[in-house]
N, C-alpha and C. Protein backbone atom coordinates (compact mmCIF):
# COMPACT_ATOMS: atom_id res chain seq x y z
N MET A 1 -9.13 7.24 -85.28
CA MET A 1 -10.18 6.77 -84.39
C MET A 1 -9.55 6.33 -83.08
N GLU A 2 -10.17 6.73 -82.00
CA GLU A 2 -9.67 6.40 -80.67
C GLU A 2 -10.14 5.01 -80.25
N ASN A 3 -9.30 4.29 -79.54
CA ASN A 3 -9.67 2.96 -79.05
C ASN A 3 -10.65 3.07 -77.90
N CYS A 4 -11.53 2.07 -77.78
CA CYS A 4 -12.43 2.01 -76.64
C CYS A 4 -11.64 1.65 -75.40
N PRO A 5 -12.02 2.21 -74.24
CA PRO A 5 -11.30 1.83 -73.02
C PRO A 5 -11.55 0.37 -72.68
N ASN A 6 -10.59 -0.24 -71.98
CA ASN A 6 -10.77 -1.61 -71.52
C ASN A 6 -11.95 -1.67 -70.57
N SER A 7 -12.74 -2.69 -70.71
CA SER A 7 -13.91 -2.87 -69.87
C SER A 7 -13.62 -3.88 -68.78
N VAL A 8 -14.27 -3.72 -67.64
CA VAL A 8 -14.12 -4.68 -66.55
C VAL A 8 -15.24 -5.72 -66.57
N VAL A 9 -16.10 -5.68 -67.58
CA VAL A 9 -17.20 -6.62 -67.68
C VAL A 9 -16.70 -7.93 -68.28
N ASP A 10 -17.02 -9.01 -67.62
CA ASP A 10 -16.68 -10.35 -68.12
C ASP A 10 -17.86 -10.84 -68.95
N LEU A 11 -17.71 -10.75 -70.26
CA LEU A 11 -18.81 -11.10 -71.15
C LEU A 11 -19.05 -12.61 -71.23
N GLU A 12 -18.17 -13.39 -70.65
CA GLU A 12 -18.31 -14.84 -70.68
C GLU A 12 -19.17 -15.36 -69.52
N ARG A 13 -19.40 -14.53 -68.52
CA ARG A 13 -20.21 -14.96 -67.37
C ARG A 13 -21.67 -15.13 -67.80
N ASN A 14 -22.29 -16.16 -67.31
CA ASN A 14 -23.71 -16.37 -67.56
C ASN A 14 -24.48 -16.02 -66.30
N LEU A 15 -24.89 -14.79 -66.22
CA LEU A 15 -25.66 -14.32 -65.07
C LEU A 15 -27.12 -14.14 -65.48
N PRO A 16 -28.04 -14.39 -64.55
CA PRO A 16 -29.44 -14.07 -64.87
C PRO A 16 -29.58 -12.55 -65.05
N THR A 17 -30.41 -12.16 -66.00
CA THR A 17 -30.65 -10.74 -66.25
C THR A 17 -31.88 -10.29 -65.50
N LEU A 18 -31.74 -9.20 -64.77
CA LEU A 18 -32.85 -8.59 -64.05
C LEU A 18 -33.23 -7.32 -64.77
N LEU A 19 -34.49 -7.22 -65.19
CA LEU A 19 -35.00 -6.04 -65.86
C LEU A 19 -35.69 -5.15 -64.84
N VAL A 20 -35.17 -3.95 -64.69
CA VAL A 20 -35.71 -2.98 -63.74
C VAL A 20 -35.98 -1.69 -64.51
N ALA A 21 -37.14 -1.08 -64.31
CA ALA A 21 -37.46 0.20 -64.95
C ALA A 21 -37.30 1.31 -63.92
N ALA A 22 -36.78 2.46 -64.37
CA ALA A 22 -36.58 3.60 -63.48
C ALA A 22 -37.03 4.87 -64.18
N VAL A 23 -37.27 5.90 -63.37
CA VAL A 23 -37.73 7.17 -63.91
C VAL A 23 -37.00 8.32 -63.24
N ALA A 24 -36.69 9.32 -64.05
CA ALA A 24 -36.18 10.59 -63.51
C ALA A 24 -37.37 11.54 -63.51
N LEU A 25 -37.96 11.73 -62.32
CA LEU A 25 -39.03 12.70 -62.18
C LEU A 25 -38.38 14.08 -62.11
N VAL A 26 -38.79 14.99 -62.99
CA VAL A 26 -38.17 16.30 -63.10
C VAL A 26 -39.24 17.36 -62.82
N ASP A 27 -38.99 18.22 -61.83
CA ASP A 27 -39.97 19.25 -61.48
C ASP A 27 -39.80 20.50 -62.36
N LEU A 28 -40.61 21.51 -62.11
CA LEU A 28 -40.60 22.73 -62.93
C LEU A 28 -39.28 23.48 -62.87
N ASP A 29 -38.51 23.29 -61.80
CA ASP A 29 -37.21 23.95 -61.65
C ASP A 29 -36.06 23.07 -62.14
N ASN A 30 -36.39 21.97 -62.83
CA ASN A 30 -35.39 21.02 -63.36
C ASN A 30 -34.68 20.23 -62.27
N ASN A 31 -35.25 20.15 -61.08
CA ASN A 31 -34.70 19.28 -60.05
C ASN A 31 -35.16 17.85 -60.33
N VAL A 32 -34.32 16.90 -59.95
CA VAL A 32 -34.59 15.48 -60.19
C VAL A 32 -34.81 14.79 -58.85
N LEU A 33 -35.82 13.95 -58.77
CA LEU A 33 -36.10 13.23 -57.53
C LEU A 33 -35.23 11.98 -57.43
N LEU A 34 -34.52 11.87 -56.32
CA LEU A 34 -33.80 10.66 -55.97
C LEU A 34 -34.44 10.07 -54.73
N THR A 35 -34.40 8.76 -54.61
CA THR A 35 -34.89 8.08 -53.41
C THR A 35 -33.74 7.27 -52.82
N GLN A 36 -33.75 7.16 -51.50
CA GLN A 36 -32.70 6.42 -50.81
C GLN A 36 -33.20 5.02 -50.49
N ARG A 37 -32.40 4.04 -50.82
CA ARG A 37 -32.78 2.66 -50.55
C ARG A 37 -32.88 2.45 -49.04
N PRO A 38 -34.01 1.95 -48.56
CA PRO A 38 -34.21 1.81 -47.11
C PRO A 38 -33.40 0.67 -46.50
N LYS A 39 -33.25 0.73 -45.20
CA LYS A 39 -32.57 -0.33 -44.45
C LYS A 39 -33.26 -1.65 -44.74
N GLY A 40 -32.46 -2.71 -44.77
CA GLY A 40 -33.00 -4.04 -45.00
C GLY A 40 -33.00 -4.46 -46.46
N LYS A 41 -32.81 -3.52 -47.37
CA LYS A 41 -32.73 -3.87 -48.80
C LYS A 41 -31.27 -3.90 -49.21
N SER A 42 -30.99 -4.60 -50.30
CA SER A 42 -29.62 -4.59 -50.80
C SER A 42 -29.25 -3.16 -51.19
N MET A 43 -28.00 -2.82 -50.99
CA MET A 43 -27.48 -1.48 -51.27
C MET A 43 -28.20 -0.39 -50.48
N ALA A 44 -28.63 -0.74 -49.26
CA ALA A 44 -29.33 0.21 -48.40
C ALA A 44 -28.48 1.47 -48.21
N GLY A 45 -29.16 2.61 -48.20
CA GLY A 45 -28.50 3.89 -47.99
C GLY A 45 -28.06 4.58 -49.26
N LEU A 46 -28.00 3.84 -50.38
CA LEU A 46 -27.60 4.46 -51.64
C LEU A 46 -28.80 5.17 -52.27
N TRP A 47 -28.52 6.19 -53.06
CA TRP A 47 -29.55 6.99 -53.71
C TRP A 47 -29.74 6.52 -55.14
N GLU A 48 -30.98 6.51 -55.60
CA GLU A 48 -31.29 5.98 -56.93
C GLU A 48 -32.49 6.69 -57.53
N PHE A 49 -32.70 6.42 -58.80
CA PHE A 49 -33.91 6.87 -59.46
C PHE A 49 -35.03 5.91 -59.08
N PRO A 50 -36.22 6.41 -58.76
CA PRO A 50 -37.30 5.50 -58.36
C PRO A 50 -37.71 4.56 -59.49
N GLY A 51 -38.21 3.41 -59.10
CA GLY A 51 -38.67 2.41 -60.06
C GLY A 51 -38.60 1.05 -59.43
N GLY A 52 -38.59 0.03 -60.27
CA GLY A 52 -38.54 -1.31 -59.71
C GLY A 52 -38.57 -2.39 -60.77
N LYS A 53 -38.65 -3.61 -60.29
CA LYS A 53 -38.54 -4.81 -61.12
C LYS A 53 -39.74 -4.93 -62.06
N VAL A 54 -39.43 -5.33 -63.29
CA VAL A 54 -40.45 -5.65 -64.28
C VAL A 54 -40.77 -7.14 -64.13
N GLU A 55 -42.03 -7.44 -63.88
CA GLU A 55 -42.46 -8.82 -63.70
C GLU A 55 -42.54 -9.53 -65.05
N ASP A 56 -42.46 -10.86 -65.02
CA ASP A 56 -42.58 -11.65 -66.25
C ASP A 56 -43.87 -11.30 -66.96
N GLY A 57 -43.78 -11.03 -68.26
CA GLY A 57 -44.96 -10.73 -69.06
C GLY A 57 -45.47 -9.30 -68.94
N GLU A 58 -44.84 -8.49 -68.10
CA GLU A 58 -45.29 -7.12 -67.87
C GLU A 58 -44.55 -6.17 -68.82
N MET A 59 -45.26 -5.21 -69.37
CA MET A 59 -44.60 -4.18 -70.19
C MET A 59 -43.78 -3.27 -69.27
N VAL A 60 -42.67 -2.79 -69.77
CA VAL A 60 -41.78 -1.95 -68.98
C VAL A 60 -42.50 -0.72 -68.44
N GLU A 61 -43.24 -0.04 -69.31
CA GLU A 61 -43.95 1.17 -68.87
C GLU A 61 -45.01 0.86 -67.81
N ALA A 62 -45.70 -0.26 -67.98
CA ALA A 62 -46.72 -0.65 -67.00
C ALA A 62 -46.07 -0.94 -65.65
N ALA A 63 -44.92 -1.59 -65.67
CA ALA A 63 -44.20 -1.87 -64.42
C ALA A 63 -43.77 -0.58 -63.75
N LEU A 64 -43.29 0.36 -64.53
CA LEU A 64 -42.84 1.63 -63.97
C LEU A 64 -44.01 2.41 -63.36
N ILE A 65 -45.12 2.45 -64.05
CA ILE A 65 -46.31 3.13 -63.52
C ILE A 65 -46.75 2.47 -62.21
N ARG A 66 -46.76 1.14 -62.19
CA ARG A 66 -47.14 0.40 -60.97
C ARG A 66 -46.17 0.69 -59.83
N GLU A 67 -44.87 0.60 -60.11
CA GLU A 67 -43.86 0.81 -59.07
C GLU A 67 -43.91 2.23 -58.51
N ILE A 68 -44.10 3.22 -59.36
CA ILE A 68 -44.15 4.61 -58.90
C ILE A 68 -45.37 4.84 -58.02
N LYS A 69 -46.47 4.22 -58.36
CA LYS A 69 -47.67 4.32 -57.50
C LYS A 69 -47.39 3.66 -56.15
N GLU A 70 -46.79 2.47 -56.16
CA GLU A 70 -46.50 1.76 -54.91
C GLU A 70 -45.48 2.49 -54.05
N GLU A 71 -44.43 3.05 -54.67
CA GLU A 71 -43.34 3.68 -53.92
C GLU A 71 -43.63 5.12 -53.51
N LEU A 72 -44.29 5.88 -54.40
CA LEU A 72 -44.41 7.33 -54.18
C LEU A 72 -45.84 7.84 -54.16
N ASP A 73 -46.81 6.95 -54.39
CA ASP A 73 -48.23 7.29 -54.35
C ASP A 73 -48.61 8.40 -55.34
N ILE A 74 -47.99 8.38 -56.51
CA ILE A 74 -48.38 9.31 -57.57
C ILE A 74 -48.80 8.50 -58.80
N ASP A 75 -49.60 9.14 -59.64
CA ASP A 75 -50.07 8.52 -60.87
C ASP A 75 -49.33 9.13 -62.05
N VAL A 76 -48.74 8.27 -62.85
CA VAL A 76 -48.01 8.69 -64.05
C VAL A 76 -48.69 8.05 -65.24
N GLY A 77 -48.99 8.85 -66.25
CA GLY A 77 -49.57 8.33 -67.48
C GLY A 77 -48.48 7.90 -68.44
N VAL A 78 -48.75 6.86 -69.22
CA VAL A 78 -47.76 6.35 -70.15
C VAL A 78 -47.32 7.42 -71.13
N GLY A 79 -48.21 8.36 -71.49
CA GLY A 79 -47.87 9.43 -72.41
C GLY A 79 -46.88 10.44 -71.83
N CYS A 80 -46.69 10.41 -70.52
CA CYS A 80 -45.75 11.33 -69.87
C CYS A 80 -44.38 10.70 -69.65
N LEU A 81 -44.21 9.45 -70.04
CA LEU A 81 -42.93 8.77 -69.90
C LEU A 81 -42.15 8.85 -71.21
N GLN A 82 -41.01 9.49 -71.15
CA GLN A 82 -40.15 9.63 -72.33
C GLN A 82 -38.91 8.78 -72.13
N PRO A 83 -38.67 7.77 -73.00
CA PRO A 83 -37.43 7.00 -72.87
C PRO A 83 -36.22 7.92 -72.96
N PHE A 84 -35.24 7.73 -72.08
CA PHE A 84 -34.06 8.59 -72.06
C PHE A 84 -32.77 7.82 -72.33
N SER A 85 -32.50 6.82 -71.51
CA SER A 85 -31.25 6.08 -71.62
C SER A 85 -31.44 4.73 -70.93
N PHE A 86 -30.36 3.99 -70.78
CA PHE A 86 -30.44 2.74 -70.04
C PHE A 86 -29.09 2.45 -69.41
N ALA A 87 -29.14 1.62 -68.38
CA ALA A 87 -27.94 1.12 -67.74
C ALA A 87 -27.89 -0.39 -67.96
N SER A 88 -26.68 -0.89 -68.15
CA SER A 88 -26.43 -2.32 -68.27
C SER A 88 -25.21 -2.60 -67.41
N HIS A 89 -25.43 -3.30 -66.29
CA HIS A 89 -24.34 -3.45 -65.31
C HIS A 89 -24.38 -4.84 -64.69
N SER A 90 -23.23 -5.48 -64.61
CA SER A 90 -23.13 -6.79 -63.96
C SER A 90 -22.75 -6.63 -62.50
N TYR A 91 -23.61 -7.14 -61.64
CA TYR A 91 -23.31 -7.25 -60.21
C TYR A 91 -22.79 -8.67 -59.98
N ASP A 92 -22.51 -9.04 -58.75
CA ASP A 92 -21.96 -10.36 -58.46
C ASP A 92 -22.89 -11.50 -58.88
N ASP A 93 -24.19 -11.35 -58.62
CA ASP A 93 -25.13 -12.45 -58.80
C ASP A 93 -26.09 -12.30 -59.97
N PHE A 94 -26.12 -11.14 -60.62
CA PHE A 94 -27.06 -10.91 -61.71
C PHE A 94 -26.57 -9.77 -62.59
N HIS A 95 -27.14 -9.70 -63.77
CA HIS A 95 -26.87 -8.58 -64.66
C HIS A 95 -28.12 -7.71 -64.70
N LEU A 96 -27.94 -6.43 -64.45
CA LEU A 96 -29.06 -5.49 -64.42
C LEU A 96 -29.16 -4.78 -65.76
N PHE A 97 -30.36 -4.77 -66.31
CA PHE A 97 -30.67 -3.94 -67.46
C PHE A 97 -31.77 -3.00 -67.02
N MET A 98 -31.51 -1.68 -67.09
CA MET A 98 -32.43 -0.71 -66.52
C MET A 98 -32.67 0.45 -67.48
N PRO A 99 -33.82 0.45 -68.18
CA PRO A 99 -34.17 1.63 -68.95
C PRO A 99 -34.57 2.76 -68.00
N LEU A 100 -34.14 3.98 -68.34
CA LEU A 100 -34.50 5.17 -67.57
C LEU A 100 -35.38 6.06 -68.43
N TYR A 101 -36.51 6.44 -67.87
CA TYR A 101 -37.46 7.33 -68.53
C TYR A 101 -37.41 8.69 -67.85
N LEU A 102 -37.77 9.74 -68.59
CA LEU A 102 -37.98 11.06 -68.03
C LEU A 102 -39.47 11.28 -67.87
N CYS A 103 -39.84 11.98 -66.80
CA CYS A 103 -41.25 12.32 -66.58
C CYS A 103 -41.31 13.70 -65.93
N ARG A 104 -42.04 14.60 -66.55
CA ARG A 104 -42.19 15.96 -66.03
C ARG A 104 -43.60 16.23 -65.51
N LYS A 105 -44.55 15.33 -65.73
CA LYS A 105 -45.93 15.53 -65.30
C LYS A 105 -46.45 14.27 -64.63
N TRP A 106 -47.11 14.47 -63.49
CA TRP A 106 -47.73 13.37 -62.77
C TRP A 106 -48.86 13.95 -61.94
N ASN A 107 -49.71 13.07 -61.46
CA ASN A 107 -50.84 13.48 -60.63
C ASN A 107 -50.59 13.04 -59.20
N GLY A 108 -50.88 13.94 -58.25
CA GLY A 108 -50.74 13.64 -56.84
C GLY A 108 -49.48 14.27 -56.26
N GLN A 109 -49.39 14.19 -54.94
CA GLN A 109 -48.24 14.68 -54.20
C GLN A 109 -47.36 13.50 -53.83
N ILE A 110 -46.07 13.64 -54.03
CA ILE A 110 -45.13 12.55 -53.75
C ILE A 110 -45.11 12.26 -52.26
N LYS A 111 -45.39 10.99 -51.93
CA LYS A 111 -45.36 10.51 -50.55
C LYS A 111 -44.57 9.21 -50.51
N PRO A 112 -43.43 9.20 -49.85
CA PRO A 112 -42.66 7.95 -49.76
C PRO A 112 -43.47 6.90 -49.00
N MET A 113 -43.78 5.79 -49.67
CA MET A 113 -44.66 4.77 -49.10
C MET A 113 -43.90 3.59 -48.50
N GLU A 114 -42.57 3.55 -48.67
CA GLU A 114 -41.79 2.41 -48.19
C GLU A 114 -40.73 2.83 -47.18
N GLY A 115 -40.93 3.97 -46.55
CA GLY A 115 -39.99 4.44 -45.54
C GLY A 115 -38.71 5.03 -46.10
N GLN A 116 -38.66 5.22 -47.41
CA GLN A 116 -37.45 5.75 -48.03
C GLN A 116 -37.39 7.28 -47.92
N GLN A 117 -36.17 7.80 -47.88
CA GLN A 117 -35.96 9.23 -47.94
C GLN A 117 -36.00 9.66 -49.40
N THR A 118 -36.40 10.91 -49.63
CA THR A 118 -36.39 11.47 -50.97
C THR A 118 -35.63 12.78 -50.97
N ALA A 119 -35.12 13.16 -52.13
CA ALA A 119 -34.42 14.44 -52.26
C ALA A 119 -34.62 14.96 -53.67
N TRP A 120 -34.97 16.24 -53.78
CA TRP A 120 -34.99 16.92 -55.06
C TRP A 120 -33.61 17.50 -55.28
N VAL A 121 -32.98 17.13 -56.38
CA VAL A 121 -31.57 17.42 -56.58
C VAL A 121 -31.37 18.18 -57.89
N LYS A 122 -30.57 19.23 -57.83
CA LYS A 122 -30.18 19.95 -59.05
C LYS A 122 -29.35 18.99 -59.92
N PRO A 123 -29.52 19.04 -61.23
CA PRO A 123 -28.80 18.11 -62.10
C PRO A 123 -27.28 18.10 -61.88
N ASN A 124 -26.69 19.27 -61.64
CA ASN A 124 -25.24 19.31 -61.46
C ASN A 124 -24.79 18.77 -60.10
N ARG A 125 -25.74 18.38 -59.24
CA ARG A 125 -25.41 17.81 -57.93
C ARG A 125 -25.75 16.32 -57.84
N LEU A 126 -26.26 15.75 -58.91
CA LEU A 126 -26.66 14.34 -58.88
C LEU A 126 -25.52 13.43 -58.43
N ARG A 127 -24.34 13.66 -58.91
CA ARG A 127 -23.21 12.77 -58.61
C ARG A 127 -22.63 13.01 -57.22
N THR A 128 -23.16 13.96 -56.48
CA THR A 128 -22.71 14.12 -55.09
C THR A 128 -23.43 13.14 -54.16
N TYR A 129 -24.44 12.45 -54.68
CA TYR A 129 -25.17 11.44 -53.92
C TYR A 129 -24.57 10.08 -54.25
N GLU A 130 -24.32 9.29 -53.23
CA GLU A 130 -23.75 7.95 -53.45
C GLU A 130 -24.83 7.06 -54.05
N MET A 131 -24.51 6.48 -55.21
CA MET A 131 -25.49 5.70 -55.98
C MET A 131 -24.99 4.30 -56.26
N PRO A 132 -25.91 3.38 -56.55
CA PRO A 132 -25.48 2.06 -57.03
C PRO A 132 -24.70 2.24 -58.33
N PRO A 133 -23.76 1.35 -58.61
CA PRO A 133 -22.93 1.49 -59.81
C PRO A 133 -23.73 1.65 -61.11
N ALA A 134 -24.86 0.98 -61.22
CA ALA A 134 -25.65 1.05 -62.45
C ALA A 134 -26.22 2.45 -62.69
N ASP A 135 -26.44 3.21 -61.64
CA ASP A 135 -27.05 4.54 -61.77
C ASP A 135 -26.05 5.63 -62.11
N VAL A 136 -24.78 5.39 -61.86
CA VAL A 136 -23.77 6.44 -61.96
C VAL A 136 -23.68 7.02 -63.37
N GLY A 137 -23.56 6.17 -64.37
CA GLY A 137 -23.42 6.65 -65.74
C GLY A 137 -24.63 7.40 -66.24
N ILE A 138 -25.82 6.88 -65.94
CA ILE A 138 -27.01 7.57 -66.43
C ILE A 138 -27.25 8.87 -65.66
N ALA A 139 -26.79 8.95 -64.42
CA ALA A 139 -26.89 10.21 -63.69
C ALA A 139 -26.04 11.28 -64.36
N SER A 140 -24.86 10.90 -64.82
CA SER A 140 -23.99 11.85 -65.53
C SER A 140 -24.62 12.28 -66.85
N MET A 141 -25.22 11.34 -67.58
CA MET A 141 -25.88 11.69 -68.84
C MET A 141 -27.05 12.63 -68.59
N LEU A 142 -27.81 12.36 -67.54
CA LEU A 142 -28.95 13.19 -67.21
C LEU A 142 -28.50 14.60 -66.82
N ARG A 143 -27.45 14.69 -66.05
CA ARG A 143 -26.88 16.00 -65.67
C ARG A 143 -26.53 16.78 -66.93
N ASP A 144 -25.87 16.16 -67.88
CA ASP A 144 -25.47 16.85 -69.10
C ASP A 144 -26.66 17.23 -69.96
N PHE A 145 -27.72 16.44 -69.93
CA PHE A 145 -28.93 16.69 -70.73
C PHE A 145 -29.74 17.85 -70.17
N LEU A 146 -29.89 17.88 -68.84
CA LEU A 146 -30.72 18.91 -68.22
C LEU A 146 -29.94 20.19 -68.05
């Protein structure tokens, strides 16, 4: 049995956990939608899977449906969200836990509502986009899956 690689995560730190839901919207040609974090937000300019913060008492899927409507002006049904993977990453001030869902069907035309750029990306090109650290591992998993 092979040893696990050394981790850089300090498990003794007590950081607040931020729950964020994200989605990989996948079109008929297997392209994945990435959005660029707009100026003025933390990690501005980096590319990520769309989604956002889960509010206290809110179900993860409900938060994702709400965030996608707010960010991209499309309607996603809970039955079209397939759990795929998750990211767990410690930043300086918080620990991020981010489930990633797959979605191949939605209603409406994607319209960036927060001034963000969007890009439809072939799975094998996902890692050519600069991403927040939490997104990197799940982008690689998604590339291998699609």
